[in-house]
Amino acid sequence: MIFKNPVKILTDETLRRHEIVVGVSYDTDLDRAAEIITKAVSGAETVETDRGVEVYAREFNSSSVDYLVRWWSGAKPKEGWQTKDVVIRSIKRALDDAGIEIPFPYITHTFKERVPLGGANSSAD
């Protein structure tokens, strides 16, 4: 079948879809965050806006609600790295300007026994 029919080489295209995951804090208005992310990506100079920008709420993560962000840009490896750099910077700037937190994992430590709060030379508990 391969020898008798034309084969389309998909890796020979000039554009490729790229994607990243962006997390926002749980107290964020998710519709507003999606709008801000969409505008930030659409305004990035390396993004092919004719093919559209997609922003989907993806999952509840341990410290954030995560979005899958997808867009089209150049297919060469260097173009992929460049567009991700531009898009990440644009999203970060837009979320910062809107006062939306991109959280880092929060960890709460609990101990069975009381932990002394004084320094090494302190006699206080």
C-alpha atoms as a PDB file:
ATOM      1  CA  MET A   1       0.000   0.000   0.000  1.00  0.00           C
ATOM      2  CA  ILE A   2       2.814   2.440   0.806  1.00  0.00           C
ATOM      3  CA  PHE A   3       4.512   1.789  -2.524  1.00  0.00           C
ATOM      4  CA  LYS A   4       1.345   2.325  -4.591  1.00  0.00           C
ATOM      5  CA  ASN A   5      -0.137   5.415  -2.899  1.00  0.00           C
ATOM      6  CA  PRO A   6       1.187   8.915  -2.264  1.00  0.00           C
ATOM      7  CA  VAL A   7       2.652   9.490   1.189  1.00  0.00           C
ATOM      8  CA  LYS A   8       2.239  12.849   2.886  1.00  0.00           C
ATOM      9  CA  ILE A   9       5.180  13.729   5.144  1.00  0.00           C
ATOM     10  CA  LEU A  10       3.647  15.642   8.028  1.00  0.00           C
ATOM     11  CA  THR A  11       6.990  16.759   9.442  1.00  0.00           C
ATOM     12  CA  ASP A  12       7.634  18.753   6.273  1.00  0.00           C
ATOM     13  CA  GLU A  13       5.036  21.415   7.148  1.00  0.00           C
ATOM     14  CA  THR A  14       6.032  25.042   7.771  1.00  0.00           C
ATOM     15  CA  LEU A  15       3.810  25.336  10.867  1.00  0.00           C
ATOM     16  CA  ARG A  16       3.500  23.139  13.950  1.00  0.00           C
ATOM     17  CA  ARG A  17       1.182  23.238  16.939  1.00  0.00           C
ATOM     18  CA  HIS A  18       2.969  23.960  20.210  1.00  0.00           C
ATOM     19  CA  GLU A  19       1.626  23.613  23.730  1.00  0.00           C
ATOM     20  CA  ILE A  20       2.421  24.405  27.347  1.00  0.00           C
ATOM     21  CA  VAL A  21       0.638  23.998  30.669  1.00  0.00           C
ATOM     22  CA  VAL A  22      -0.060  27.074  32.815  1.00  0.00           C
ATOM     23  CA  GLY A  23      -1.361  26.903  36.379  1.00  0.00           C
ATOM     24  CA  VAL A  24      -3.311  29.576  38.229  1.00  0.00           C
ATOM     25  CA  SER A  25      -4.279  29.715  41.896  1.00  0.00           C
ATOM     26  CA  TYR A  26      -7.555  28.226  43.093  1.00  0.00           C
ATOM     27  CA  ASP A  27      -9.014  31.617  44.024  1.00  0.00           C
ATOM     28  CA  THR A  28      -8.774  32.831  40.408  1.00  0.00           C
ATOM     29  CA  ASP A  29     -11.815  33.520  38.221  1.00  0.00           C
ATOM     30  CA  LEU A  30     -11.134  30.821  35.614  1.00  0.00           C
ATOM     31  CA  ASP A  31     -13.041  32.498  32.779  1.00  0.00           C
ATOM     32  CA  ARG A  32     -11.078  35.712  33.290  1.00  0.00           C
ATOM     33  CA  ALA A  33      -7.776  33.817  33.440  1.00  0.00           C
ATOM     34  CA  ALA A  34      -8.572  31.982  30.191  1.00  0.00           C
ATOM     35  CA  GLU A  35      -9.353  35.303  28.475  1.00  0.00           C
ATOM     36  CA  ILE A  36      -6.111  36.865  29.700  1.00  0.00           C
ATOM     37  CA  ILE A  37      -4.045  33.864  28.600  1.00  0.00           C
ATOM     38  CA  THR A  38      -5.745  33.800  25.185  1.00  0.00           C
ATOM     39  CA  LYS A  39      -5.064  37.515  24.606  1.00  0.00           C
ATOM     40  CA  ALA A  40      -1.453  37.160  25.761  1.00  0.00           C
ATOM     41  CA  VAL A  41      -0.757  34.271  23.392  1.00  0.00           C
ATOM     42  CA  SER A  42      -2.636  35.874  20.493  1.00  0.00           C
ATOM     43  CA  GLY A  43      -0.542  39.018  20.907  1.00  0.00           C
ATOM     44  CA  ALA A  44       2.790  37.198  20.902  1.00  0.00           C
ATOM     45  CA  GLU A  45       4.800  38.010  17.780  1.00  0.00           C
ATOM     46  CA  THR A  46       5.730  34.388  16.964  1.00  0.00           C
ATOM     47  CA  VAL A  47       2.159  33.027  17.038  1.00  0.00           C
ATOM     48  CA  GLU A  48       0.226  32.306  13.848  1.00  0.00           C
ATOM     49  CA  THR A  49      -3.158  33.711  14.885  1.00  0.00           C
ATOM     50  CA  ASP A  50      -4.996  32.610  11.703  1.00  0.00           C
ATOM     51  CA  ARG A  51      -5.023  29.056  13.057  1.00  0.00           C
ATOM     52  CA  GLY A  52      -6.323  30.172  16.440  1.00  0.00           C
ATOM     53  CA  VAL A  53      -5.198  29.882  20.038  1.00  0.00           C
ATOM     54  CA  GLU A  54      -6.722  27.222  22.285  1.00  0.00           C
ATOM     55  CA  VAL A  55      -6.933  27.480  26.084  1.00  0.00           C
ATOM     56  CA  TYR A  56      -8.539  24.595  27.978  1.00  0.00           C
ATOM     57  CA  ALA A  57      -8.942  24.080  31.715  1.00  0.00           C
ATOM     58  CA  ARG A  58      -7.076  20.793  32.048  1.00  0.00           C
ATOM     59  CA  GLU A  59      -6.986  19.600  35.651  1.00  0.00           C
ATOM     60  CA  PHE A  60      -7.065  20.350  39.346  1.00  0.00           C
ATOM     61  CA  ASN A  61      -3.431  20.125  40.387  1.00  0.00           C
ATOM     62  CA  SER A  62      -2.053  20.074  43.929  1.00  0.00           C
ATOM     63  CA  SER A  63      -1.554  23.870  44.086  1.00  0.00           C
ATOM     64  CA  SER A  64      -3.217  25.158  40.925  1.00  0.00           C
ATOM     65  CA  VAL A  65      -5.881  24.786  38.289  1.00  0.00           C
ATOM     66  CA  ASP A  66      -3.973  23.981  35.116  1.00  0.00           C
ATOM     67  CA  TYR A  67      -4.712  25.135  31.582  1.00  0.00           C
ATOM     68  CA  LEU A  68      -3.491  23.488  28.396  1.00  0.00           C
ATOM     69  CA  VAL A  69      -2.456  26.298  26.019  1.00  0.00           C
ATOM     70  CA  ARG A  70      -2.014  25.471  22.315  1.00  0.00           C
ATOM     71  CA  TRP A  71      -1.007  27.628  19.347  1.00  0.00           C
ATOM     72  CA  TRP A  72       0.586  27.388  15.902  1.00  0.00           C
ATOM     73  CA  SER A  73       4.030  28.685  14.992  1.00  0.00           C
ATOM     74  CA  GLY A  74       7.103  27.737  12.960  1.00  0.00           C
ATOM     75  CA  ALA A  75       7.935  24.027  12.655  1.00  0.00           C
ATOM     76  CA  LYS A  76      11.723  24.206  12.898  1.00  0.00           C
ATOM     77  CA  PRO A  77      13.181  23.198  16.288  1.00  0.00           C
ATOM     78  CA  LYS A  78      14.672  26.652  16.911  1.00  0.00           C
ATOM     79  CA  GLU A  79      11.346  28.303  16.066  1.00  0.00           C
ATOM     80  CA  GLY A  80       9.676  26.012  18.602  1.00  0.00           C
ATOM     81  CA  TRP A  81      12.029  27.108  21.386  1.00  0.00           C
ATOM     82  CA  GLN A  82      11.700  30.752  20.413  1.00  0.00           C
ATOM     83  CA  THR A  83       7.913  30.733  20.321  1.00  0.00           C
ATOM     84  CA  LYS A  84       7.663  28.970  23.686  1.00  0.00           C
ATOM     85  CA  ASP A  85       9.972  31.583  25.192  1.00  0.00           C
ATOM     86  CA  VAL A  86       7.894  34.453  23.789  1.00  0.00           C
ATOM     87  CA  VAL A  87       4.571  32.874  24.782  1.00  0.00           C
ATOM     88  CA  ILE A  88       5.660  32.030  28.341  1.00  0.00           C
ATOM     89  CA  ARG A  89       6.975  35.564  28.866  1.00  0.00           C
ATOM     90  CA  SER A  90       3.736  37.035  27.456  1.00  0.00           C
ATOM     91  CA  ILE A  91       1.523  34.889  29.665  1.00  0.00           C
ATOM     92  CA  LYS A  92       3.579  35.608  32.793  1.00  0.00           C
ATOM     93  CA  ARG A  93       3.499  39.355  32.136  1.00  0.00           C
ATOM     94  CA  ALA A  94      -0.256  39.341  31.451  1.00  0.00           C
ATOM     95  CA  LEU A  95      -1.098  37.311  34.564  1.00  0.00           C
ATOM     96  CA  ASP A  96       1.177  39.501  36.707  1.00  0.00           C
ATOM     97  CA  ASP A  97      -0.489  42.651  35.334  1.00  0.00           C
ATOM     98  CA  ALA A  98      -3.912  41.157  36.137  1.00  0.00           C
ATOM     99  CA  GLY A  99      -2.865  40.216  39.669  1.00  0.00           C
ATOM    100  CA  ILE A 100      -3.332  36.490  38.997  1.00  0.00           C
ATOM    101  CA  GLU A 101      -0.956  34.214  40.876  1.00  0.00           C
ATOM    102  CA  ILE A 102       0.947  31.382  39.211  1.00  0.00           C
ATOM    103  CA  PRO A 103       1.380  29.294  42.357  1.00  0.00           C
ATOM    104  CA  PHE A 104       4.232  27.070  43.324  1.00  0.00           C
ATOM    105  CA  PRO A 105       3.557  23.867  45.283  1.00  0.00           C
ATOM    106  CA  TYR A 106       2.631  24.536  48.894  1.00  0.00           C
ATOM    107  CA  ILE A 107       3.858  22.054  51.476  1.00  0.00           C
ATOM    108  CA  THR A 108       2.610  21.785  55.042  1.00  0.00           C
ATOM    109  CA  HIS A 109       4.767  19.801  57.436  1.00  0.00           C
ATOM    110  CA  THR A 110       3.202  18.136  60.452  1.00  0.00           C
ATOM    111  CA  PHE A 111       5.089  16.467  63.265  1.00  0.00           C
ATOM    112  CA  LYS A 112       4.004  13.913  65.868  1.00  0.00           C
ATOM    113  CA  GLU A 113       5.931  15.671  68.603  1.00  0.00           C
ATOM    114  CA  ARG A 114       6.302  19.321  69.461  1.00  0.00           C
ATOM    115  CA  VAL A 115       9.184  20.988  67.631  1.00  0.00           C
ATOM    116  CA  PRO A 116      11.301  23.467  69.641  1.00  0.00           C
ATOM    117  CA  LEU A 117      11.271  26.924  68.056  1.00  0.00           C
ATOM    118  CA  GLY A 118      14.393  28.367  69.706  1.00  0.00           C
ATOM    119  CA  GLY A 119      17.887  28.418  68.166  1.00  0.00           C
ATOM    120  CA  ALA A 120      20.585  25.848  68.926  1.00  0.00           C
ATOM    121  CA  ASN A 121      21.813  27.787  72.006  1.00  0.00           C
ATOM    122  CA  SER A 122      18.357  28.782  73.221  1.00  0.00           C
ATOM    123  CA  SER A 123      16.874  27.245  76.357  1.00  0.00           C
ATOM    124  CA  ALA A 124      13.286  28.065  75.296  1.00  0.00           C
ATOM    125  CA  ASP A 125      11.007  25.335  73.945  1.00  0.00           C
END
